[in-house]
Amino acid sequence: MFDDPTLQAKFDACPQKLRGIIEEFQEAFPEERIEMMIDFSDALPDLPERLLDERDTMEQVHECQSPVFLHTEITNGEVVFYFDIPPEAPTVRGYASLLAECINGVSPTAVLNTPDDVYRLLGLDKVISHLRLRGLHALMGYMKRQVQVQV
């Protein structure tokens, strides 16, 4: 899929569902990728009722310009991520939603093997500012760190 062997190796390390989404993003024109992110943003599920009271204990991703909170659970060998991100932050909200859709339910090892810079594989580095990319990069790092703590 990628001419660059490094990017190809990163693509190959992604969970299957994420590889399918990456292929869709790669086939899209750069301006369409933003629209795709907004679609994912709209699909981010609300926090479950049981986590609403624990929002203050969720880890905040400080590198993001918007308030982004993350909670991770591992049950029966499957990782599930929960996010609390305001609708006014469609870029990071869309990225989180995309990751949740593609990574929730995989093993901790699959999460840890997912590249930190998935946004590059999606081609978002061509359409999003460097400052926002920094937040997206950090988000994946926080996700991995929370998984590592629990395994």
N, C-alpha and C. Protein backbone atom coordinates (compact mmCIF):
# COMPACT_ATOMS: atom_id res chain seq x y z
N MET A 1 0.82 -1.20 0.00
CA MET A 1 0.00 0.00 0.00
C MET A 1 0.86 1.26 0.00
N PHE A 2 1.93 1.27 0.80
CA PHE A 2 2.82 2.43 0.89
C PHE A 2 4.13 2.15 0.17
N ASP A 3 4.65 3.15 -0.54
CA ASP A 3 5.95 3.01 -1.20
C ASP A 3 7.09 3.02 -0.19
N ASP A 4 6.90 3.76 0.89
CA ASP A 4 7.91 3.87 1.94
C ASP A 4 7.85 2.62 2.82
N PRO A 5 8.94 1.85 2.89
CA PRO A 5 8.92 0.61 3.68
C PRO A 5 8.63 0.84 5.17
N THR A 6 9.06 1.98 5.70
CA THR A 6 8.79 2.28 7.11
C THR A 6 7.30 2.45 7.33
N LEU A 7 6.64 3.22 6.45
CA LEU A 7 5.19 3.40 6.57
C LEU A 7 4.46 2.08 6.35
N GLN A 8 4.94 1.28 5.42
CA GLN A 8 4.31 -0.02 5.17
C GLN A 8 4.39 -0.90 6.40
N ALA A 9 5.54 -0.91 7.07
CA ALA A 9 5.70 -1.72 8.28
C ALA A 9 4.76 -1.23 9.38
N LYS A 10 4.58 0.08 9.48
CA LYS A 10 3.65 0.63 10.47
C LYS A 10 2.22 0.23 10.13
N PHE A 11 1.88 0.30 8.86
CA PHE A 11 0.55 -0.10 8.40
C PHE A 11 0.30 -1.57 8.76
N ASP A 12 1.28 -2.41 8.48
CA ASP A 12 1.16 -3.85 8.74
C ASP A 12 0.99 -4.15 10.23
N ALA A 13 1.50 -3.26 11.10
CA ALA A 13 1.41 -3.46 12.55
C ALA A 13 0.04 -3.08 13.11
N CYS A 14 -0.79 -2.43 12.32
CA CYS A 14 -2.10 -1.97 12.78
C CYS A 14 -3.10 -3.13 12.83
N PRO A 15 -4.06 -3.04 13.77
CA PRO A 15 -5.14 -4.02 13.76
C PRO A 15 -5.90 -3.98 12.43
N GLN A 16 -6.48 -5.11 12.04
CA GLN A 16 -7.13 -5.28 10.74
C GLN A 16 -8.15 -4.17 10.43
N LYS A 17 -9.03 -3.89 11.37
CA LYS A 17 -10.07 -2.89 11.11
C LYS A 17 -9.45 -1.51 10.86
N LEU A 18 -8.40 -1.19 11.59
CA LEU A 18 -7.73 0.10 11.39
C LEU A 18 -7.08 0.15 10.01
N ARG A 19 -6.52 -0.95 9.55
CA ARG A 19 -5.93 -0.97 8.20
C ARG A 19 -6.99 -0.66 7.15
N GLY A 20 -8.19 -1.16 7.33
CA GLY A 20 -9.27 -0.87 6.39
C GLY A 20 -9.61 0.61 6.35
N ILE A 21 -9.65 1.24 7.51
CA ILE A 21 -9.94 2.68 7.57
C ILE A 21 -8.79 3.47 6.96
N ILE A 22 -7.56 3.06 7.22
CA ILE A 22 -6.40 3.74 6.63
C ILE A 22 -6.49 3.69 5.11
N GLU A 23 -6.85 2.55 4.57
CA GLU A 23 -6.99 2.43 3.11
C GLU A 23 -8.05 3.40 2.59
N GLU A 24 -9.17 3.54 3.29
CA GLU A 24 -10.21 4.48 2.87
C GLU A 24 -9.68 5.91 2.89
N PHE A 25 -8.95 6.27 3.92
CA PHE A 25 -8.40 7.63 4.01
C PHE A 25 -7.37 7.87 2.92
N GLN A 26 -6.54 6.87 2.62
CA GLN A 26 -5.52 7.03 1.59
C GLN A 26 -6.13 7.20 0.21
N GLU A 27 -7.29 6.60 -0.02
CA GLU A 27 -7.97 6.71 -1.31
C GLU A 27 -8.70 8.05 -1.46
N ALA A 28 -8.93 8.74 -0.36
CA ALA A 28 -9.67 10.00 -0.38
C ALA A 28 -8.75 11.17 -0.73
N PHE A 29 -9.33 12.21 -1.30
CA PHE A 29 -8.59 13.44 -1.52
C PHE A 29 -8.32 14.07 -0.15
N PRO A 30 -7.22 14.83 -0.01
CA PRO A 30 -6.90 15.42 1.28
C PRO A 30 -8.06 16.20 1.91
N GLU A 31 -8.78 17.01 1.12
CA GLU A 31 -9.88 17.79 1.70
C GLU A 31 -11.04 16.90 2.18
N GLU A 32 -11.15 15.72 1.62
CA GLU A 32 -12.19 14.78 2.05
C GLU A 32 -11.86 14.15 3.40
N ARG A 33 -10.58 14.10 3.72
CA ARG A 33 -10.16 13.49 4.99
C ARG A 33 -10.70 14.27 6.18
N ILE A 34 -10.76 15.58 6.05
CA ILE A 34 -11.33 16.39 7.14
C ILE A 34 -12.81 16.07 7.31
N GLU A 35 -13.53 15.95 6.22
CA GLU A 35 -14.95 15.59 6.29
C GLU A 35 -15.13 14.21 6.92
N MET A 36 -14.24 13.30 6.60
CA MET A 36 -14.30 11.96 7.18
C MET A 36 -14.07 12.02 8.69
N MET A 37 -13.15 12.89 9.12
CA MET A 37 -12.90 13.05 10.56
C MET A 37 -14.14 13.61 11.26
N ILE A 38 -14.81 14.54 10.62
CA ILE A 38 -16.03 15.11 11.21
C ILE A 38 -17.11 14.04 11.34
N ASP A 39 -17.20 13.18 10.34
CA ASP A 39 -18.16 12.07 10.44
C ASP A 39 -17.83 11.18 11.63
N PHE A 40 -16.56 10.88 11.82
CA PHE A 40 -16.17 10.09 12.98
C PHE A 40 -16.45 10.86 14.28
N SER A 41 -16.23 12.16 14.25
CA SER A 41 -16.50 12.99 15.43
C SER A 41 -17.94 12.85 15.89
N ASP A 42 -18.85 12.88 14.92
CA ASP A 42 -20.27 12.76 15.23
C ASP A 42 -20.62 11.38 15.80
N ALA A 43 -19.79 10.39 15.53
CA ALA A 43 -20.08 9.01 15.94
C ALA A 43 -19.47 8.64 17.29
N LEU A 44 -18.70 9.55 17.91
CA LEU A 44 -18.09 9.21 19.19
C LEU A 44 -19.17 9.01 20.24
N PRO A 45 -19.20 7.83 20.85
CA PRO A 45 -20.24 7.59 21.86
C PRO A 45 -20.02 8.43 23.11
N ASP A 46 -21.11 8.76 23.77
CA ASP A 46 -21.03 9.45 25.05
C ASP A 46 -20.41 8.51 26.08
N LEU A 47 -19.90 9.11 27.15
CA LEU A 47 -19.40 8.28 28.24
C LEU A 47 -20.55 7.45 28.79
N PRO A 48 -20.29 6.20 29.15
CA PRO A 48 -21.35 5.42 29.78
C PRO A 48 -21.74 6.05 31.11
N GLU A 49 -22.96 5.85 31.48
CA GLU A 49 -23.50 6.41 32.73
C GLU A 49 -22.59 6.13 33.92
N ARG A 50 -22.06 4.92 33.99
CA ARG A 50 -21.24 4.53 35.14
C ARG A 50 -19.93 5.32 35.24
N LEU A 51 -19.49 5.93 34.13
CA LEU A 51 -18.25 6.71 34.16
C LEU A 51 -18.47 8.20 34.36
N LEU A 52 -19.71 8.65 34.27
CA LEU A 52 -19.97 10.09 34.40
C LEU A 52 -19.52 10.62 35.76
N ASP A 53 -19.73 9.85 36.80
CA ASP A 53 -19.32 10.28 38.14
C ASP A 53 -17.81 10.19 38.34
N GLU A 54 -17.13 9.45 37.48
CA GLU A 54 -15.69 9.26 37.61
C GLU A 54 -14.90 10.14 36.64
N ARG A 55 -15.57 11.05 35.96
CA ARG A 55 -14.89 11.86 34.96
C ARG A 55 -13.68 12.59 35.53
N ASP A 56 -13.79 13.02 36.78
CA ASP A 56 -12.68 13.75 37.40
C ASP A 56 -11.45 12.88 37.62
N THR A 57 -11.63 11.56 37.59
CA THR A 57 -10.49 10.66 37.77
C THR A 57 -9.90 10.19 36.45
N MET A 58 -10.54 10.56 35.34
CA MET A 58 -10.02 10.18 34.03
C MET A 58 -8.76 10.99 33.74
N GLU A 59 -7.85 10.38 32.99
CA GLU A 59 -6.61 11.07 32.66
C GLU A 59 -6.84 12.09 31.55
N GLN A 60 -6.32 13.29 31.74
CA GLN A 60 -6.44 14.33 30.73
C GLN A 60 -5.21 14.30 29.83
N VAL A 61 -5.44 14.43 28.53
CA VAL A 61 -4.35 14.50 27.54
C VAL A 61 -4.01 15.99 27.40
N HIS A 62 -3.03 16.42 28.15
CA HIS A 62 -2.71 17.85 28.24
C HIS A 62 -2.15 18.43 26.95
N GLU A 63 -1.59 17.60 26.08
CA GLU A 63 -1.02 18.10 24.84
C GLU A 63 -2.09 18.54 23.84
N CYS A 64 -3.31 18.12 24.05
CA CYS A 64 -4.41 18.52 23.16
C CYS A 64 -4.87 19.93 23.52
N GLN A 65 -5.21 20.70 22.50
CA GLN A 65 -5.67 22.06 22.71
C GLN A 65 -7.03 22.09 23.41
N SER A 66 -7.83 21.09 23.19
CA SER A 66 -9.15 20.98 23.79
C SER A 66 -9.09 20.02 24.97
N PRO A 67 -10.06 20.10 25.88
CA PRO A 67 -10.06 19.14 27.00
C PRO A 67 -10.40 17.73 26.52
N VAL A 68 -9.43 16.84 26.65
CA VAL A 68 -9.58 15.45 26.22
C VAL A 68 -9.30 14.57 27.43
N PHE A 69 -10.27 13.71 27.76
CA PHE A 69 -10.14 12.81 28.89
C PHE A 69 -10.29 11.38 28.41
N LEU A 70 -9.49 10.48 29.00
CA LEU A 70 -9.39 9.10 28.55
C LEU A 70 -9.52 8.14 29.73
N HIS A 71 -10.27 7.07 29.51
CA HIS A 71 -10.38 5.97 30.48
C HIS A 71 -10.24 4.67 29.70
N THR A 72 -9.44 3.75 30.22
CA THR A 72 -9.17 2.48 29.55
C THR A 72 -9.52 1.32 30.47
N GLU A 73 -10.16 0.31 29.89
CA GLU A 73 -10.47 -0.91 30.62
C GLU A 73 -10.02 -2.11 29.80
N ILE A 74 -9.53 -3.13 30.49
CA ILE A 74 -9.20 -4.40 29.85
C ILE A 74 -10.02 -5.48 30.54
N THR A 75 -10.85 -6.14 29.75
CA THR A 75 -11.71 -7.20 30.26
C THR A 75 -11.59 -8.41 29.35
N ASN A 76 -11.32 -9.55 29.94
CA ASN A 76 -11.19 -10.79 29.17
C ASN A 76 -10.22 -10.65 28.00
N GLY A 77 -9.13 -9.93 28.23
CA GLY A 77 -8.11 -9.79 27.20
C GLY A 77 -8.42 -8.81 26.09
N GLU A 78 -9.50 -8.04 26.25
CA GLU A 78 -9.87 -7.05 25.23
C GLU A 78 -9.84 -5.64 25.82
N VAL A 79 -9.26 -4.73 25.08
CA VAL A 79 -9.13 -3.34 25.52
C VAL A 79 -10.33 -2.53 25.02
N VAL A 80 -10.83 -1.66 25.91
CA VAL A 80 -11.89 -0.73 25.52
C VAL A 80 -11.49 0.66 26.03
N PHE A 81 -11.57 1.64 25.13
CA PHE A 81 -11.25 3.02 25.46
C PHE A 81 -12.53 3.84 25.53
N TYR A 82 -12.58 4.75 26.49
CA TYR A 82 -13.69 5.68 26.63
C TYR A 82 -13.12 7.09 26.61
N PHE A 83 -13.77 7.98 25.89
CA PHE A 83 -13.30 9.35 25.75
C PHE A 83 -14.38 10.33 26.17
N ASP A 84 -13.93 11.44 26.72
CA ASP A 84 -14.81 12.57 26.98
C ASP A 84 -14.17 13.77 26.29
N ILE A 85 -14.74 14.14 25.16
CA ILE A 85 -14.19 15.23 24.34
C ILE A 85 -15.37 16.07 23.85
N PRO A 86 -15.31 17.38 24.02
CA PRO A 86 -16.45 18.22 23.63
C PRO A 86 -16.66 18.25 22.11
N PRO A 87 -17.90 18.42 21.68
CA PRO A 87 -18.19 18.50 20.24
C PRO A 87 -17.47 19.65 19.54
N GLU A 88 -17.06 20.65 20.30
CA GLU A 88 -16.37 21.82 19.74
C GLU A 88 -14.93 21.48 19.32
N ALA A 89 -14.51 20.24 19.51
CA ALA A 89 -13.16 19.81 19.15
C ALA A 89 -13.26 18.65 18.14
N PRO A 90 -13.77 18.94 16.93
CA PRO A 90 -14.07 17.85 16.00
C PRO A 90 -12.85 17.06 15.51
N THR A 91 -11.69 17.68 15.44
CA THR A 91 -10.52 16.97 14.93
C THR A 91 -10.09 15.87 15.90
N VAL A 92 -9.81 16.24 17.13
CA VAL A 92 -9.36 15.23 18.10
C VAL A 92 -10.50 14.29 18.46
N ARG A 93 -11.71 14.79 18.48
CA ARG A 93 -12.87 13.95 18.76
C ARG A 93 -13.04 12.89 17.65
N GLY A 94 -12.87 13.31 16.40
CA GLY A 94 -12.96 12.39 15.28
C GLY A 94 -11.85 11.35 15.32
N TYR A 95 -10.64 11.79 15.65
CA TYR A 95 -9.51 10.86 15.73
C TYR A 95 -9.73 9.84 16.84
N ALA A 96 -10.18 10.31 18.00
CA ALA A 96 -10.47 9.40 19.11
C ALA A 96 -11.56 8.41 18.74
N SER A 97 -12.59 8.90 18.08
CA SER A 97 -13.69 8.04 17.66
C SER A 97 -13.21 6.99 16.66
N LEU A 98 -12.38 7.39 15.72
CA LEU A 98 -11.82 6.47 14.74
C LEU A 98 -11.00 5.39 15.45
N LEU A 99 -10.14 5.81 16.38
CA LEU A 99 -9.32 4.84 17.10
C LEU A 99 -10.18 3.90 17.92
N ALA A 100 -11.19 4.44 18.61
CA ALA A 100 -12.06 3.59 19.42
C ALA A 100 -12.78 2.57 18.54
N GLU A 101 -13.29 3.02 17.42
CA GLU A 101 -14.01 2.11 16.53
C GLU A 101 -13.10 0.99 16.02
N CYS A 102 -11.86 1.31 15.75
CA CYS A 102 -10.95 0.35 15.13
C CYS A 102 -10.13 -0.47 16.13
N ILE A 103 -9.97 0.03 17.34
CA ILE A 103 -9.07 -0.63 18.28
C ILE A 103 -9.83 -1.26 19.45
N ASN A 104 -10.98 -0.72 19.82
CA ASN A 104 -11.74 -1.34 20.92
C ASN A 104 -11.98 -2.80 20.60
N GLY A 105 -11.72 -3.65 21.59
CA GLY A 105 -11.96 -5.07 21.42
C GLY A 105 -10.73 -5.88 21.03
N VAL A 106 -9.62 -5.20 20.75
CA VAL A 106 -8.40 -5.94 20.40
C VAL A 106 -7.60 -6.24 21.67
N SER A 107 -6.56 -7.02 21.53
CA SER A 107 -5.73 -7.38 22.67
C SER A 107 -4.82 -6.22 23.08
N PRO A 108 -4.34 -6.25 24.32
CA PRO A 108 -3.36 -5.24 24.73
C PRO A 108 -2.14 -5.22 23.82
N THR A 109 -1.68 -6.38 23.38
CA THR A 109 -0.52 -6.44 22.49
C THR A 109 -0.80 -5.72 21.17
N ALA A 110 -2.00 -5.90 20.63
CA ALA A 110 -2.36 -5.22 19.38
C ALA A 110 -2.36 -3.71 19.56
N VAL A 111 -2.84 -3.24 20.71
CA VAL A 111 -2.82 -1.79 20.98
C VAL A 111 -1.38 -1.32 21.05
N LEU A 112 -0.56 -2.02 21.82
CA LEU A 112 0.83 -1.60 22.01
C LEU A 112 1.63 -1.65 20.71
N ASN A 113 1.23 -2.50 19.77
CA ASN A 113 1.92 -2.59 18.48
C ASN A 113 1.44 -1.54 17.47
N THR A 114 0.33 -0.89 17.77
CA THR A 114 -0.20 0.14 16.87
C THR A 114 0.75 1.34 16.89
N PRO A 115 1.14 1.84 15.74
CA PRO A 115 2.08 2.98 15.70
C PRO A 115 1.50 4.23 16.37
N ASP A 116 2.37 4.97 17.02
CA ASP A 116 1.94 6.22 17.67
C ASP A 116 1.46 7.24 16.65
N ASP A 117 1.99 7.17 15.44
CA ASP A 117 1.66 8.17 14.42
C ASP A 117 0.68 7.63 13.38
N VAL A 118 -0.39 7.01 13.84
CA VAL A 118 -1.44 6.53 12.94
C VAL A 118 -1.93 7.66 12.05
N TYR A 119 -1.94 8.88 12.57
CA TYR A 119 -2.40 10.04 11.79
C TYR A 119 -1.63 10.19 10.49
N ARG A 120 -0.35 9.80 10.48
CA ARG A 120 0.44 9.85 9.23
C ARG A 120 -0.07 8.83 8.22
N LEU A 121 -0.39 7.65 8.71
CA LEU A 121 -0.91 6.61 7.82
C LEU A 121 -2.25 7.02 7.23
N LEU A 122 -3.01 7.79 8.00
CA LEU A 122 -4.31 8.29 7.54
C LEU A 122 -4.16 9.48 6.59
N GLY A 123 -2.96 10.03 6.50
CA GLY A 123 -2.72 11.21 5.65
C GLY A 123 -3.18 12.50 6.30
N LEU A 124 -3.40 12.47 7.61
CA LEU A 124 -3.85 13.68 8.30
C LEU A 124 -2.74 14.71 8.45
N ASP A 125 -1.49 14.26 8.37
CA ASP A 125 -0.37 15.19 8.47
C ASP A 125 -0.32 16.16 7.30
N LYS A 126 -1.09 15.87 6.26
CA LYS A 126 -1.15 16.76 5.09
C LYS A 126 -2.29 17.77 5.19
N VAL A 127 -3.18 17.61 6.17
CA VAL A 127 -4.37 18.47 6.23
C VAL A 127 -4.61 19.10 7.59
N ILE A 128 -3.82 18.74 8.59
CA ILE A 128 -4.03 19.26 9.94
C ILE A 128 -2.75 19.95 10.40
N SER A 129 -2.90 21.00 11.16
CA SER A 129 -1.74 21.78 11.62
C SER A 129 -0.84 20.94 12.53
N HIS A 130 0.42 21.35 12.57
CA HIS A 130 1.42 20.66 13.39
C HIS A 130 1.00 20.63 14.87
N LEU A 131 0.43 21.72 15.34
CA LEU A 131 0.01 21.80 16.74
C LEU A 131 -1.07 20.76 17.05
N ARG A 132 -2.02 20.60 16.16
CA ARG A 132 -3.08 19.60 16.37
C ARG A 132 -2.52 18.17 16.24
N LEU A 133 -1.57 17.98 15.32
CA LEU A 133 -0.95 16.67 15.18
C LEU A 133 -0.23 16.25 16.45
N ARG A 134 0.34 17.21 17.12
CA ARG A 134 1.02 16.93 18.40
C ARG A 134 0.03 16.32 19.39
N GLY A 135 -1.17 16.86 19.44
CA GLY A 135 -2.20 16.32 20.33
C GLY A 135 -2.63 14.93 19.92
N LEU A 136 -2.78 14.69 18.61
CA LEU A 136 -3.17 13.36 18.13
C LEU A 136 -2.10 12.33 18.47
N HIS A 137 -0.86 12.73 18.29
CA HIS A 137 0.26 11.85 18.61
C HIS A 137 0.25 11.50 20.11
N ALA A 138 0.03 12.52 20.93
CA ALA A 138 0.01 12.31 22.38
C ALA A 138 -1.14 11.40 22.79
N LEU A 139 -2.29 11.54 22.15
CA LEU A 139 -3.45 10.73 22.50
C LEU A 139 -3.12 9.24 22.39
N MET A 140 -2.51 8.83 21.30
CA MET A 140 -2.17 7.41 21.14
C MET A 140 -1.16 6.99 22.21
N GLY A 141 -0.25 7.87 22.56
CA GLY A 141 0.71 7.57 23.62
C GLY A 141 0.03 7.35 24.96
N TYR A 142 -0.95 8.18 25.29
CA TYR A 142 -1.70 8.02 26.53
C TYR A 142 -2.48 6.70 26.52
N MET A 143 -3.06 6.37 25.38
CA MET A 143 -3.81 5.11 25.26
C MET A 143 -2.89 3.93 25.54
N LYS A 144 -1.73 3.93 24.94
CA LYS A 144 -0.78 2.84 25.14
C LYS A 144 -0.30 2.78 26.59
N ARG A 145 -0.04 3.94 27.16
CA ARG A 145 0.44 3.97 28.54
C ARG A 145 -0.61 3.39 29.50
N GLN A 146 -1.88 3.73 29.26
CA GLN A 146 -2.92 3.19 30.13
C GLN A 146 -3.03 1.67 29.97
N VAL A 147 -2.83 1.17 28.77
CA VAL A 147 -2.85 -0.28 28.56
C VAL A 147 -1.66 -0.92 29.29
N GLN A 148 -0.47 -0.34 29.14
CA GLN A 148 0.73 -0.90 29.78
C GLN A 148 0.57 -0.99 31.29
N VAL A 149 -0.05 0.00 31.89
CA VAL A 149 -0.25 0.02 33.34
C VAL A 149 -1.12 -1.14 33.80
N GLN A 150 -2.04 -1.55 32.93
CA GLN A 150 -3.02 -2.58 33.33
C GLN A 150 -2.59 -4.01 32.99
N VAL A 151 -1.53 -4.16 32.19
CA VAL A 151 -1.11 -5.54 31.85
C VAL A 151 0.06 -6.00 32.69
